[in-house]
Amino acid sequence: MPLIRSDSKGFGIQAAFAAAFLFFSLRNGLLDLPDVLRSYDRLVLWLLIGTILYAGLFVGGHHLLRWKGVGSRGAYAALGAAALVMLQAVMQGPQDLAAAFTRGVGLMQFIFPALLGAAFGFLYAKRAGWEEAPDDWSRLDGAGAPSSASDGAVQAGGSTYFAGPVRVRTSIPIILLAALGGMLLCGLARMAFYTSWEMSLLGDASTADALRHAAGASAFGGFMMVAEAVIGVPILFVSILAGHYVARGFGRSDYGAYFGIGLVAPIILVVVGMFVLAPLALALALANGVAMVLYRNLAGLEPVPVREDIIVAREQDLVPANHPRRAFGRVVRSR
């Protein structure tokens, strides 16, 4: 199995994800900042320590997977989930953690970090990619090229190239990740618009008042973003799955087709569903278009499967569809 590459920029992105998660957890009360750290400088230090801890766990797990010869994206999703859950446990502290388990909610508060960490790990594996031999495509010229249209796979320069028909893969976890990503991206854009609109209503307020107002508006926008994600992700999941099969039925795999189908799919679902939840589905059209593009990028391509094996009882049945033998039956005279 090819191994996932070591990508320093990817590790940096992972660290930024961890810092954003810690800040989100503080902002929404999932974590409590100790009293001794209630200053901006100490808050930054606290976030830096947590980020370094997560990066150390993830990078260490990455090298362990490489040492064990594991290169699947699922393994990196599990690694990201484990690293973020461990970060949550460490930064929460033993007292708060014990109190949460005493109240019977200890495991519940690790579900969100596990799902988010799995997305982090998968995205790292997607960005870094597998280690492959150098792409010596020049050897495809001449003798290395396919000898016929049906000869799709070609060995050249230590790599395998494929010229046959392809289609977008179907992956339920990636559909879920794309639905969540589409909702969050559109939610961030909506939150930025809402915050700027609230700021425009202040007039000539002082800088301190403007910052306080912006913080309050962004907190409300963040709450609405999370609420919309909880409601919208199941709808987008169904819509992406349906749109994906529509695109596959028309033989389309380009990004433009996926975006267009993503915009139209919620409207079709509204009509098919007898206009149930019509306002919500129509409001999610743009998010669904973005999510379809994300899915197309993350899922990638696969060869179109060949036809399944055919069980033959009589050799004379192996006749093409338009052959005259399909229209004419042989007459056997009785004696």
Protein backbone atom coordinates (compact mmCIF):
# COMPACT_ATOMS: atom_id res chain seq x y z
CA MET A 1 0.00 0.00 0.00
CA PRO A 2 1.42 3.45 -0.89
CA LEU A 3 2.01 5.72 2.11
CA ILE A 4 0.67 9.22 2.72
CA ARG A 5 3.35 11.85 2.16
CA SER A 6 4.71 14.10 4.91
CA ASP A 7 3.41 17.59 4.08
CA SER A 8 4.69 20.42 6.27
CA LYS A 9 2.05 22.85 4.98
CA GLY A 10 -0.59 20.23 5.67
CA PHE A 11 0.65 19.91 9.25
CA GLY A 12 0.42 23.71 9.57
CA ILE A 13 -3.17 23.64 8.33
CA GLN A 14 -3.93 20.94 10.89
CA ALA A 15 -2.50 23.14 13.63
CA ALA A 16 -4.64 26.07 12.46
CA PHE A 17 -7.71 23.80 12.54
CA ALA A 18 -6.88 22.83 16.12
CA ALA A 19 -6.48 26.47 17.18
CA ALA A 20 -9.84 27.32 15.59
CA PHE A 21 -11.45 24.39 17.39
CA LEU A 22 -10.07 25.49 20.76
CA PHE A 23 -11.24 29.08 20.21
CA PHE A 24 -14.69 27.83 19.12
CA SER A 25 -14.89 25.62 22.20
CA LEU A 26 -14.06 28.56 24.46
CA ARG A 27 -16.47 30.85 22.65
CA ASN A 28 -19.37 28.42 22.95
CA GLY A 29 -18.72 27.16 26.46
CA LEU A 30 -17.47 23.69 25.52
CA LEU A 31 -14.25 24.48 27.39
CA ASP A 32 -13.63 26.75 30.39
CA LEU A 33 -10.55 28.96 30.47
CA PRO A 34 -8.85 28.83 33.91
CA ASP A 35 -9.03 32.04 35.92
CA VAL A 36 -5.25 32.47 35.86
CA LEU A 37 -5.36 32.64 32.04
CA ARG A 38 -8.06 35.31 31.72
CA SER A 39 -5.96 37.82 29.81
CA TYR A 40 -5.33 38.17 26.11
CA ASP A 41 -1.65 37.29 26.31
CA ARG A 42 -2.28 34.17 28.38
CA LEU A 43 -5.19 33.20 26.15
CA VAL A 44 -2.90 33.26 23.13
CA LEU A 45 -0.35 31.19 25.06
CA TRP A 46 -3.05 28.69 26.03
CA LEU A 47 -4.17 28.36 22.41
CA LEU A 48 -0.54 27.96 21.29
CA ILE A 49 0.08 25.17 23.80
CA GLY A 50 -3.05 23.32 22.68
CA THR A 51 -2.13 23.75 19.03
CA ILE A 52 1.38 22.38 19.59
CA LEU A 53 -0.06 19.45 21.53
CA TYR A 54 -2.45 18.54 18.71
CA ALA A 55 0.26 18.94 16.07
CA GLY A 56 2.57 16.68 18.08
CA LEU A 57 -0.11 14.00 18.41
CA PHE A 58 -1.03 14.14 14.74
CA VAL A 59 2.54 14.23 13.39
CA GLY A 60 3.56 11.43 15.74
CA GLY A 61 0.58 9.34 14.63
CA HIS A 62 1.41 10.08 11.00
CA HIS A 63 4.94 8.73 11.36
CA LEU A 64 3.61 5.72 13.27
CA LEU A 65 1.23 4.92 10.41
CA ARG A 66 4.08 5.25 7.92
CA TRP A 67 6.24 2.96 10.05
CA LYS A 68 3.44 0.39 10.13
CA GLY A 69 2.91 0.68 6.37
CA VAL A 70 -0.64 2.06 6.64
CA GLY A 71 -1.66 4.60 4.02
CA SER A 72 -5.47 4.56 3.91
CA ARG A 73 -7.43 7.77 4.30
CA GLY A 74 -9.69 6.02 6.80
CA ALA A 75 -6.72 5.48 9.09
CA TYR A 76 -5.92 9.20 8.94
CA ALA A 77 -9.53 10.05 9.71
CA ALA A 78 -9.27 7.83 12.80
CA LEU A 79 -5.94 9.48 13.69
CA GLY A 80 -7.45 12.98 13.44
CA ALA A 81 -10.42 11.94 15.56
CA ALA A 82 -8.20 10.41 18.25
CA ALA A 83 -5.86 13.43 18.31
CA LEU A 84 -8.66 15.98 18.69
CA VAL A 85 -10.45 13.91 21.34
CA MET A 86 -7.21 13.67 23.30
CA LEU A 87 -6.71 17.43 22.92
CA GLN A 88 -10.24 18.03 24.21
CA ALA A 89 -9.60 15.78 27.22
CA VAL A 90 -6.25 17.38 28.09
CA MET A 91 -7.39 20.98 27.70
CA GLN A 92 -10.57 20.33 29.65
CA GLY A 93 -8.60 19.15 32.65
CA PRO A 94 -9.13 16.19 34.98
CA GLN A 95 -11.57 17.96 37.33
CA ASP A 96 -14.00 19.16 34.68
CA LEU A 97 -13.67 15.84 32.86
CA ALA A 98 -14.50 13.86 36.01
CA ALA A 99 -17.43 16.16 36.74
CA ALA A 100 -18.78 15.62 33.20
CA PHE A 101 -18.65 11.83 33.57
CA THR A 102 -20.28 12.14 37.00
CA ARG A 103 -23.20 14.00 35.38
CA GLY A 104 -23.45 11.28 32.73
CA VAL A 105 -22.41 13.49 29.78
CA GLY A 106 -18.73 12.58 29.57
CA LEU A 107 -18.88 10.60 26.34
CA MET A 108 -21.39 12.91 24.66
CA GLN A 109 -19.05 15.88 24.67
CA PHE A 110 -16.45 13.95 22.67
CA ILE A 111 -18.75 13.17 19.73
CA PHE A 112 -18.30 16.56 18.05
CA PRO A 113 -14.48 16.61 18.45
CA ALA A 114 -14.30 13.07 17.09
CA LEU A 115 -16.32 13.94 13.97
CA LEU A 116 -14.42 17.17 13.42
CA GLY A 117 -11.05 15.50 13.98
CA ALA A 118 -11.97 12.76 11.49
CA ALA A 119 -12.66 15.47 8.91
CA PHE A 120 -9.30 17.10 9.73
CA GLY A 121 -7.42 13.83 9.27
CA PHE A 122 -9.17 12.96 6.02
CA LEU A 123 -8.48 16.41 4.58
CA TYR A 124 -4.78 16.08 5.45
CA ALA A 125 -4.58 12.73 3.67
CA LYS A 126 -6.40 14.22 0.68
CA ARG A 127 -4.07 17.21 0.50
CA ALA A 128 -0.82 15.31 1.09
CA GLY A 129 -1.62 12.46 -1.28
CA TRP A 130 0.12 9.12 -1.64
CA GLU A 131 3.80 8.66 -2.39
CA GLU A 132 4.19 7.65 -6.00
CA ALA A 133 7.05 7.31 -8.45
CA PRO A 134 7.95 10.48 -10.37
CA ASP A 135 5.47 11.20 -13.14
CA ASP A 136 7.53 10.44 -16.28
CA TRP A 137 4.68 11.07 -18.71
CA SER A 138 7.09 11.51 -21.62
CA ARG A 139 7.36 7.73 -21.85
CA LEU A 140 3.73 7.58 -22.95
CA ASP A 141 4.87 8.68 -26.42
CA GLY A 142 5.60 6.01 -28.96
CA ALA A 143 5.91 2.45 -27.76
CA GLY A 144 4.47 3.11 -24.29
CA ALA A 145 1.13 4.38 -25.57
CA PRO A 146 -1.98 2.18 -25.68
CA SER A 147 -2.04 -0.07 -28.71
CA SER A 148 -5.83 0.17 -29.09
CA ALA A 149 -8.79 2.05 -27.67
CA SER A 150 -9.72 -0.89 -25.46
CA ASP A 151 -6.26 -1.10 -23.93
CA GLY A 152 -6.84 1.44 -21.16
CA ALA A 153 -4.10 0.72 -18.61
CA VAL A 154 -0.51 1.48 -19.63
CA GLN A 155 2.74 0.97 -17.73
CA ALA A 156 5.24 3.77 -18.37
CA GLY A 157 8.10 5.13 -16.28
CA GLY A 158 7.22 3.03 -13.22
CA SER A 159 3.63 4.34 -13.10
CA THR A 160 0.31 3.08 -14.41
CA TYR A 161 -1.77 5.34 -16.65
CA PHE A 162 -5.40 4.82 -17.60
CA ALA A 163 -7.19 6.10 -20.69
CA GLY A 164 -10.52 4.32 -20.24
CA PRO A 165 -13.89 5.72 -19.18
CA VAL A 166 -14.10 7.15 -15.64
CA ARG A 167 -16.82 8.40 -13.32
CA VAL A 168 -17.01 10.17 -9.94
CA ARG A 169 -16.74 7.80 -7.00
CA THR A 170 -19.61 7.24 -4.57
CA SER A 171 -18.59 7.65 -0.92
CA ILE A 172 -21.14 8.10 1.87
CA PRO A 173 -18.60 9.54 4.40
CA ILE A 174 -17.38 12.08 1.82
CA ILE A 175 -20.98 13.08 1.04
CA LEU A 176 -21.50 13.76 4.75
CA LEU A 177 -18.24 15.74 4.92
CA ALA A 178 -19.17 17.76 1.81
CA ALA A 179 -22.62 18.53 3.23
CA LEU A 180 -21.07 19.78 6.46
CA GLY A 181 -18.44 21.77 4.57
CA GLY A 182 -21.00 23.39 2.30
CA MET A 183 -23.14 24.45 5.25
CA LEU A 184 -20.17 25.84 7.18
CA LEU A 185 -18.76 27.79 4.23
CA CYS A 186 -22.11 29.38 3.42
CA GLY A 187 -22.67 29.95 7.14
CA LEU A 188 -19.35 31.78 7.44
CA ALA A 189 -20.24 33.99 4.47
CA ARG A 190 -23.65 34.71 5.96
CA MET A 191 -22.10 35.46 9.37
CA ALA A 192 -19.61 37.89 7.80
CA PHE A 193 -22.45 39.66 5.96
CA TYR A 194 -24.58 39.80 9.12
CA THR A 195 -21.71 41.16 11.21
CA SER A 196 -20.82 43.84 8.65
CA TRP A 197 -24.48 44.83 8.37
CA GLU A 198 -24.75 45.17 12.16
CA MET A 199 -21.57 47.26 12.19
CA SER A 200 -23.01 49.59 9.53
CA LEU A 201 -25.92 50.46 11.85
CA LEU A 202 -23.64 51.90 14.53
CA GLY A 203 -22.90 55.14 12.74
CA ASP A 204 -20.05 57.00 14.47
CA ALA A 205 -19.59 54.67 17.42
CA SER A 206 -16.18 54.44 19.09
CA THR A 207 -13.74 51.68 18.23
CA ALA A 208 -14.39 49.87 21.54
CA ASP A 209 -18.15 49.95 21.03
CA ALA A 210 -17.74 48.74 17.46
CA LEU A 211 -15.57 45.83 18.55
CA ARG A 212 -17.99 44.83 21.31
CA HIS A 213 -20.91 45.04 18.89
CA ALA A 214 -19.01 43.01 16.29
CA ALA A 215 -18.16 40.35 18.89
CA GLY A 216 -21.79 40.05 19.91
CA ALA A 217 -22.98 39.91 16.31
CA SER A 218 -20.38 37.29 15.38
CA ALA A 219 -21.36 35.17 18.39
CA PHE A 220 -24.99 35.24 17.31
CA GLY A 221 -23.96 34.52 13.72
CA GLY A 222 -21.85 31.59 14.87
CA PHE A 223 -24.75 30.17 16.86
CA MET A 224 -27.02 30.47 13.82
CA MET A 225 -24.35 28.82 11.65
CA VAL A 226 -24.16 25.79 13.95
CA ALA A 227 -27.96 25.58 14.21
CA GLU A 228 -28.36 25.76 10.44
CA ALA A 229 -25.69 23.10 9.99
CA VAL A 230 -27.53 20.71 12.31
CA ILE A 231 -30.77 21.23 10.37
CA GLY A 232 -29.33 21.52 6.88
CA VAL A 233 -26.73 18.73 6.76
CA PRO A 234 -29.30 15.87 6.53
CA ILE A 235 -31.11 17.71 3.72
CA LEU A 236 -27.87 18.39 1.87
CA PHE A 237 -26.81 14.77 2.34
CA VAL A 238 -29.88 13.51 0.48
CA SER A 239 -29.60 16.24 -2.13
CA ILE A 240 -25.90 15.58 -2.83
CA LEU A 241 -26.50 11.85 -3.13
CA ALA A 242 -29.39 12.39 -5.55
CA GLY A 243 -27.50 15.01 -7.55
CA HIS A 244 -24.43 12.78 -7.75
CA TYR A 245 -26.42 9.94 -9.31
CA VAL A 246 -28.11 12.37 -11.70
CA ALA A 247 -24.69 13.59 -12.85
CA ARG A 248 -23.50 10.01 -13.19
CA GLY A 249 -26.61 9.13 -15.21
CA PHE A 250 -25.80 11.91 -17.69
CA GLY A 251 -22.15 10.87 -17.78
CA ARG A 252 -20.94 14.19 -16.35
CA SER A 253 -17.97 14.55 -14.02
CA ASP A 254 -16.98 18.21 -14.52
CA TYR A 255 -17.21 20.75 -11.70
CA GLY A 256 -19.63 23.01 -13.57
CA ALA A 257 -22.17 20.23 -13.97
CA TYR A 258 -21.93 19.31 -10.29
CA PHE A 259 -22.43 22.94 -9.23
CA GLY A 260 -25.40 23.38 -11.54
CA ILE A 261 -27.03 20.13 -10.45
CA GLY A 262 -26.38 21.13 -6.85
CA LEU A 263 -28.33 24.35 -7.33
CA VAL A 264 -31.26 22.59 -9.01
CA ALA A 265 -31.40 19.42 -6.85
CA PRO A 266 -33.12 21.03 -3.81
CA ILE A 267 -35.83 22.46 -6.06
CA ILE A 268 -36.46 19.02 -7.58
CA LEU A 269 -36.60 17.45 -4.12
CA VAL A 270 -39.14 20.09 -3.07
CA VAL A 271 -41.37 19.22 -6.01
CA VAL A 272 -41.01 15.46 -5.47
CA GLY A 273 -41.64 15.87 -1.73
CA MET A 274 -44.91 17.71 -2.33
CA PHE A 275 -43.36 21.03 -1.22
CA VAL A 276 -42.55 19.80 2.29
CA LEU A 277 -39.92 22.11 3.89
CA ALA A 278 -39.87 24.12 0.65
CA PRO A 279 -38.53 27.41 2.14
CA LEU A 280 -35.66 25.62 3.90
CA ALA A 281 -34.71 23.54 0.86
CA LEU A 282 -34.73 26.55 -1.45
CA ALA A 283 -32.60 28.52 1.01
CA LEU A 284 -30.04 25.71 0.91
CA ALA A 285 -29.67 25.76 -2.89
CA LEU A 286 -26.41 27.74 -2.88
CA ALA A 287 -24.96 25.70 -0.01
CA ASN A 288 -25.85 22.54 -1.91
CA GLY A 289 -24.10 23.80 -5.03
CA VAL A 290 -20.95 24.51 -3.02
CA ALA A 291 -21.23 21.12 -1.30
CA MET A 292 -21.54 19.34 -4.67
CA VAL A 293 -18.31 20.98 -5.85
CA LEU A 294 -16.61 19.96 -2.59
CA TYR A 295 -17.83 16.40 -3.05
CA ARG A 296 -16.58 16.29 -6.64
CA ASN A 297 -13.14 17.43 -5.49
CA LEU A 298 -12.87 15.12 -2.49
CA ALA A 299 -14.35 11.98 -4.04
CA GLY A 300 -12.18 11.85 -7.16
CA LEU A 301 -12.61 9.51 -10.11
CA GLU A 302 -12.77 5.76 -10.58
CA PRO A 303 -12.88 3.54 -13.67
CA VAL A 304 -16.34 2.71 -14.94
CA PRO A 305 -16.94 -0.92 -13.86
CA VAL A 306 -16.98 -3.52 -16.60
CA ARG A 307 -20.12 -5.55 -17.15
CA GLU A 308 -20.65 -8.41 -14.73
CA ASP A 309 -19.95 -11.98 -15.79
CA ILE A 310 -22.59 -13.59 -17.98
CA ILE A 311 -23.81 -17.10 -17.24
CA VAL A 312 -24.26 -19.00 -20.51
CA ALA A 313 -26.37 -22.12 -20.83
CA ARG A 314 -26.31 -22.28 -24.66
CA GLU A 315 -23.53 -20.98 -26.87
CA GLN A 316 -25.99 -20.10 -29.64
CA ASP A 317 -27.48 -17.37 -27.40
CA LEU A 318 -24.30 -15.29 -27.74
CA VAL A 319 -25.73 -13.18 -30.55
CA PRO A 320 -25.47 -9.34 -30.79
CA ALA A 321 -28.55 -7.23 -30.08
CA ASN A 322 -29.13 -6.14 -33.70
CA HIS A 323 -28.29 -9.43 -35.31
CA PRO A 324 -31.04 -10.91 -37.57
CA ARG A 325 -31.00 -14.04 -35.44
CA ARG A 326 -32.66 -11.97 -32.69
CA ALA A 327 -35.61 -11.28 -34.99
CA PHE A 328 -35.90 -14.60 -36.75
CA GLY A 329 -36.48 -17.93 -35.11
CA ARG A 330 -35.39 -21.11 -36.81
CA VAL A 331 -38.25 -23.28 -37.98
CA VAL A 332 -38.00 -26.95 -37.05
CA ARG A 333 -40.44 -29.07 -39.03
CA SER A 334 -42.15 -31.86 -37.22
CA ARG A 335 -42.28 -35.28 -38.78
